[in-house]
Amino acid sequence: MYVYDLNNTAREFGFKPDEGWELNVATKDEMTSIEKRYYPTISAKVLPEILSELFGVVRDKLVQVKSEIRNNLQTGNVNNTELQYLIAFNPKRPRH
């Protein structure tokens, strides 16, 4: 369903051939920050236990559709239980 939403949103907003989604895992604060900086965004709240698995599935499906997908599954110093969101945005489309 998430990949379907990404594809529909890309068509709806007229993404050009050189534009694509950047896929990230994020905390609530990081998601809010991304939503304030970029439009459109597509996010989904996910149980922390399955977040990395879902990230991999979505990334793989998007790569099949378009090879320019960027992704970020770096958890760094963040507690994994705080990472609850899968969020996609187009870095070439900042919010004005």
N, C-alpha and C. Protein backbone atom coordinates (compact mmCIF):
# COMPACT_ATOMS: atom_id res chain seq x y z
N MET A 1 0.82 -1.18 0.00
CA MET A 1 0.00 0.00 0.00
C MET A 1 0.88 1.26 0.00
N TYR A 2 1.96 1.25 0.76
CA TYR A 2 2.84 2.41 0.86
C TYR A 2 3.48 2.72 -0.50
N VAL A 3 3.95 1.70 -1.19
CA VAL A 3 4.56 1.90 -2.51
C VAL A 3 3.52 2.42 -3.49
N TYR A 4 2.30 1.93 -3.40
CA TYR A 4 1.20 2.41 -4.24
C TYR A 4 0.98 3.90 -4.01
N ASP A 5 0.96 4.33 -2.74
CA ASP A 5 0.81 5.76 -2.41
C ASP A 5 1.95 6.59 -2.97
N LEU A 6 3.18 6.08 -2.88
CA LEU A 6 4.33 6.80 -3.41
C LEU A 6 4.22 6.99 -4.92
N ASN A 7 3.86 5.92 -5.62
CA ASN A 7 3.73 6.01 -7.07
C ASN A 7 2.61 6.95 -7.49
N ASN A 8 1.47 6.89 -6.80
CA ASN A 8 0.36 7.79 -7.12
C ASN A 8 0.72 9.24 -6.84
N THR A 9 1.37 9.49 -5.73
CA THR A 9 1.75 10.87 -5.38
C THR A 9 2.75 11.41 -6.39
N ALA A 10 3.70 10.60 -6.81
CA ALA A 10 4.68 11.04 -7.81
C ALA A 10 3.98 11.43 -9.11
N ARG A 11 3.00 10.63 -9.52
CA ARG A 11 2.24 10.96 -10.74
C ARG A 11 1.41 12.22 -10.54
N GLU A 12 0.75 12.31 -9.39
CA GLU A 12 -0.12 13.45 -9.09
C GLU A 12 0.66 14.76 -9.09
N PHE A 13 1.88 14.75 -8.59
CA PHE A 13 2.68 15.95 -8.50
C PHE A 13 3.62 16.12 -9.70
N GLY A 14 3.50 15.26 -10.67
CA GLY A 14 4.26 15.41 -11.90
C GLY A 14 5.76 15.31 -11.73
N PHE A 15 6.23 14.31 -10.98
CA PHE A 15 7.67 14.13 -10.83
C PHE A 15 8.30 13.96 -12.20
N LYS A 16 9.40 14.63 -12.41
CA LYS A 16 10.16 14.51 -13.65
C LYS A 16 10.99 13.24 -13.63
N PRO A 17 11.48 12.81 -14.79
CA PRO A 17 12.27 11.56 -14.83
C PRO A 17 13.50 11.56 -13.91
N ASP A 18 14.08 12.74 -13.65
CA ASP A 18 15.26 12.78 -12.79
C ASP A 18 14.91 12.96 -11.31
N GLU A 19 13.62 12.96 -10.97
CA GLU A 19 13.20 13.11 -9.58
C GLU A 19 12.79 11.76 -9.02
N GLY A 20 13.00 11.61 -7.74
CA GLY A 20 12.62 10.36 -7.08
C GLY A 20 12.43 10.60 -5.60
N TRP A 21 12.05 9.56 -4.91
CA TRP A 21 11.84 9.62 -3.48
C TRP A 21 13.13 9.33 -2.72
N GLU A 22 13.30 9.99 -1.60
CA GLU A 22 14.33 9.61 -0.63
C GLU A 22 13.59 8.96 0.52
N LEU A 23 13.98 7.77 0.87
CA LEU A 23 13.30 6.97 1.88
C LEU A 23 14.13 6.95 3.15
N ASN A 24 13.50 7.29 4.29
CA ASN A 24 14.19 7.35 5.57
C ASN A 24 13.38 6.68 6.66
N VAL A 25 14.06 6.22 7.70
CA VAL A 25 13.41 5.87 8.95
C VAL A 25 13.65 7.05 9.88
N ALA A 26 12.66 7.34 10.73
CA ALA A 26 12.77 8.57 11.51
C ALA A 26 12.02 8.47 12.83
N THR A 27 12.43 9.34 13.74
CA THR A 27 11.68 9.54 14.98
C THR A 27 10.55 10.51 14.67
N LYS A 28 9.68 10.72 15.62
CA LYS A 28 8.57 11.67 15.45
C LYS A 28 9.11 13.06 15.13
N ASP A 29 10.12 13.51 15.86
CA ASP A 29 10.70 14.85 15.64
C ASP A 29 11.34 14.97 14.26
N GLU A 30 12.08 13.93 13.85
CA GLU A 30 12.71 13.96 12.53
C GLU A 30 11.67 13.99 11.41
N MET A 31 10.58 13.23 11.60
CA MET A 31 9.52 13.21 10.60
C MET A 31 8.88 14.60 10.48
N THR A 32 8.61 15.23 11.61
CA THR A 32 8.02 16.57 11.61
C THR A 32 8.94 17.56 10.91
N SER A 33 10.23 17.46 11.17
CA SER A 33 11.21 18.35 10.53
C SER A 33 11.21 18.16 9.01
N ILE A 34 11.19 16.92 8.55
CA ILE A 34 11.18 16.64 7.11
C ILE A 34 9.89 17.18 6.49
N GLU A 35 8.76 16.97 7.17
CA GLU A 35 7.49 17.45 6.64
C GLU A 35 7.44 18.98 6.54
N LYS A 36 8.14 19.66 7.42
CA LYS A 36 8.20 21.13 7.36
C LYS A 36 9.09 21.62 6.22
N ARG A 37 10.08 20.81 5.81
CA ARG A 37 11.03 21.24 4.79
C ARG A 37 10.66 20.82 3.38
N TYR A 38 9.91 19.72 3.23
CA TYR A 38 9.63 19.18 1.89
C TYR A 38 8.15 18.91 1.69
N TYR A 39 7.72 19.01 0.43
CA TYR A 39 6.35 18.67 0.07
C TYR A 39 6.34 18.14 -1.35
N PRO A 40 5.76 17.04 -1.61
CA PRO A 40 4.98 16.19 -0.72
C PRO A 40 5.86 15.23 0.07
N THR A 41 5.30 14.74 1.15
CA THR A 41 5.93 13.65 1.92
C THR A 41 4.87 12.57 2.13
N ILE A 42 5.33 11.36 2.26
CA ILE A 42 4.45 10.24 2.58
C ILE A 42 5.08 9.54 3.77
N SER A 43 4.33 9.44 4.86
CA SER A 43 4.88 8.79 6.05
C SER A 43 3.91 7.72 6.56
N ALA A 44 4.47 6.79 7.30
CA ALA A 44 3.68 5.73 7.92
C ALA A 44 4.30 5.39 9.26
N LYS A 45 3.45 5.29 10.27
CA LYS A 45 3.92 4.86 11.59
C LYS A 45 3.97 3.34 11.59
N VAL A 46 5.12 2.81 12.03
CA VAL A 46 5.38 1.38 11.95
C VAL A 46 5.93 0.91 13.30
N LEU A 47 5.60 -0.31 13.68
CA LEU A 47 6.18 -0.88 14.89
C LEU A 47 7.70 -0.96 14.73
N PRO A 48 8.45 -0.53 15.74
CA PRO A 48 9.91 -0.54 15.63
C PRO A 48 10.49 -1.91 15.28
N GLU A 49 9.81 -2.98 15.70
CA GLU A 49 10.33 -4.33 15.46
C GLU A 49 10.33 -4.70 13.97
N ILE A 50 9.44 -4.11 13.19
CA ILE A 50 9.36 -4.47 11.77
C ILE A 50 9.78 -3.33 10.84
N LEU A 51 10.23 -2.23 11.41
CA LEU A 51 10.57 -1.06 10.60
C LEU A 51 11.68 -1.34 9.59
N SER A 52 12.77 -1.97 10.01
CA SER A 52 13.87 -2.21 9.07
C SER A 52 13.46 -3.19 7.97
N GLU A 53 12.63 -4.17 8.33
CA GLU A 53 12.15 -5.12 7.32
C GLU A 53 11.24 -4.42 6.30
N LEU A 54 10.33 -3.58 6.78
CA LEU A 54 9.45 -2.84 5.88
C LEU A 54 10.25 -1.87 5.01
N PHE A 55 11.24 -1.23 5.60
CA PHE A 55 12.12 -0.34 4.85
C PHE A 55 12.74 -1.08 3.67
N GLY A 56 13.25 -2.28 3.93
CA GLY A 56 13.87 -3.07 2.88
C GLY A 56 12.89 -3.46 1.79
N VAL A 57 11.69 -3.84 2.16
CA VAL A 57 10.67 -4.24 1.18
C VAL A 57 10.29 -3.04 0.31
N VAL A 58 10.03 -1.90 0.94
CA VAL A 58 9.64 -0.70 0.18
C VAL A 58 10.79 -0.26 -0.73
N ARG A 59 12.00 -0.25 -0.21
CA ARG A 59 13.16 0.14 -1.00
C ARG A 59 13.31 -0.76 -2.23
N ASP A 60 13.18 -2.06 -2.01
CA ASP A 60 13.31 -3.00 -3.13
C ASP A 60 12.23 -2.78 -4.18
N LYS A 61 11.00 -2.54 -3.76
CA LYS A 61 9.91 -2.30 -4.71
C LYS A 61 10.14 -1.01 -5.48
N LEU A 62 10.64 0.03 -4.81
CA LEU A 62 10.89 1.29 -5.49
C LEU A 62 12.05 1.18 -6.46
N VAL A 63 13.06 0.41 -6.10
CA VAL A 63 14.21 0.23 -6.99
C VAL A 63 13.77 -0.48 -8.26
N GLN A 64 12.82 -1.40 -8.15
CA GLN A 64 12.31 -2.08 -9.34
C GLN A 64 11.61 -1.10 -10.27
N VAL A 65 10.95 -0.11 -9.68
CA VAL A 65 10.22 0.89 -10.47
C VAL A 65 11.16 1.96 -11.00
N LYS A 66 12.08 2.43 -10.16
CA LYS A 66 12.97 3.52 -10.54
C LYS A 66 14.31 3.35 -9.84
N SER A 67 15.38 3.48 -10.56
CA SER A 67 16.68 3.19 -9.98
C SER A 67 17.29 4.38 -9.23
N GLU A 68 16.67 5.55 -9.26
CA GLU A 68 17.27 6.72 -8.61
C GLU A 68 16.82 6.92 -7.17
N ILE A 69 16.28 5.88 -6.55
CA ILE A 69 15.83 6.00 -5.17
C ILE A 69 17.03 6.12 -4.24
N ARG A 70 16.93 7.06 -3.33
CA ARG A 70 17.96 7.20 -2.29
C ARG A 70 17.33 6.71 -1.00
N ASN A 71 18.14 6.15 -0.13
CA ASN A 71 17.56 5.67 1.11
C ASN A 71 18.53 5.84 2.26
N ASN A 72 17.95 5.91 3.45
CA ASN A 72 18.74 6.15 4.64
C ASN A 72 18.19 5.31 5.79
N LEU A 73 18.88 4.23 6.09
CA LEU A 73 18.50 3.38 7.21
C LEU A 73 19.55 3.49 8.31
N GLN A 74 20.19 4.63 8.44
CA GLN A 74 21.20 4.82 9.46
C GLN A 74 20.50 5.15 10.77
N THR A 75 20.74 4.33 11.78
CA THR A 75 20.09 4.55 13.07
C THR A 75 20.96 5.36 14.02
N GLY A 76 22.26 5.41 13.77
CA GLY A 76 23.17 6.25 14.55
C GLY A 76 23.02 6.07 16.05
N ASN A 77 22.90 7.19 16.75
CA ASN A 77 22.81 7.17 18.20
C ASN A 77 21.38 7.12 18.70
N VAL A 78 20.42 6.92 17.83
CA VAL A 78 19.02 6.93 18.22
C VAL A 78 18.62 5.56 18.73
N ASN A 79 17.86 5.56 19.82
CA ASN A 79 17.32 4.32 20.36
C ASN A 79 16.34 3.75 19.32
N ASN A 80 16.49 2.48 18.98
CA ASN A 80 15.65 1.88 17.93
C ASN A 80 14.17 1.93 18.24
N THR A 81 13.78 2.01 19.51
CA THR A 81 12.36 2.10 19.82
C THR A 81 11.81 3.49 19.49
N GLU A 82 12.67 4.48 19.34
CA GLU A 82 12.23 5.82 18.96
C GLU A 82 12.00 5.93 17.45
N LEU A 83 12.62 5.06 16.67
CA LEU A 83 12.43 5.05 15.23
C LEU A 83 11.12 4.35 14.93
N GLN A 84 10.09 5.13 14.62
CA GLN A 84 8.76 4.55 14.42
C GLN A 84 8.14 4.93 13.09
N TYR A 85 8.83 5.72 12.28
CA TYR A 85 8.22 6.22 11.06
C TYR A 85 9.06 5.89 9.84
N LEU A 86 8.38 5.53 8.79
CA LEU A 86 8.98 5.39 7.48
C LEU A 86 8.48 6.61 6.70
N ILE A 87 9.39 7.43 6.21
CA ILE A 87 8.99 8.65 5.52
C ILE A 87 9.74 8.78 4.21
N ALA A 88 9.01 9.20 3.20
CA ALA A 88 9.59 9.42 1.88
C ALA A 88 9.33 10.87 1.48
N PHE A 89 10.33 11.47 0.85
CA PHE A 89 10.19 12.84 0.36
C PHE A 89 11.07 13.00 -0.87
N ASN A 90 10.78 14.04 -1.62
CA ASN A 90 11.57 14.36 -2.82
C ASN A 90 12.50 15.51 -2.46
N PRO A 91 13.81 15.27 -2.38
CA PRO A 91 14.73 16.34 -1.98
C PRO A 91 14.79 17.50 -2.96
N LYS A 92 14.25 17.31 -4.16
CA LYS A 92 14.24 18.40 -5.15
C LYS A 92 12.98 19.26 -5.03
N ARG A 93 12.15 18.98 -4.05
CA ARG A 93 10.90 19.72 -3.88
C ARG A 93 10.77 20.27 -2.47
N PRO A 94 11.53 21.33 -2.17
CA PRO A 94 11.39 21.94 -0.85
C PRO A 94 10.05 22.67 -0.73
N ARG A 95 9.58 22.77 0.50
CA ARG A 95 8.34 23.49 0.78
C ARG A 95 8.66 24.99 0.69
N HIS A 96 7.80 25.74 0.07
CA HIS A 96 8.04 27.20 -0.07
C HIS A 96 7.33 27.98 0.97
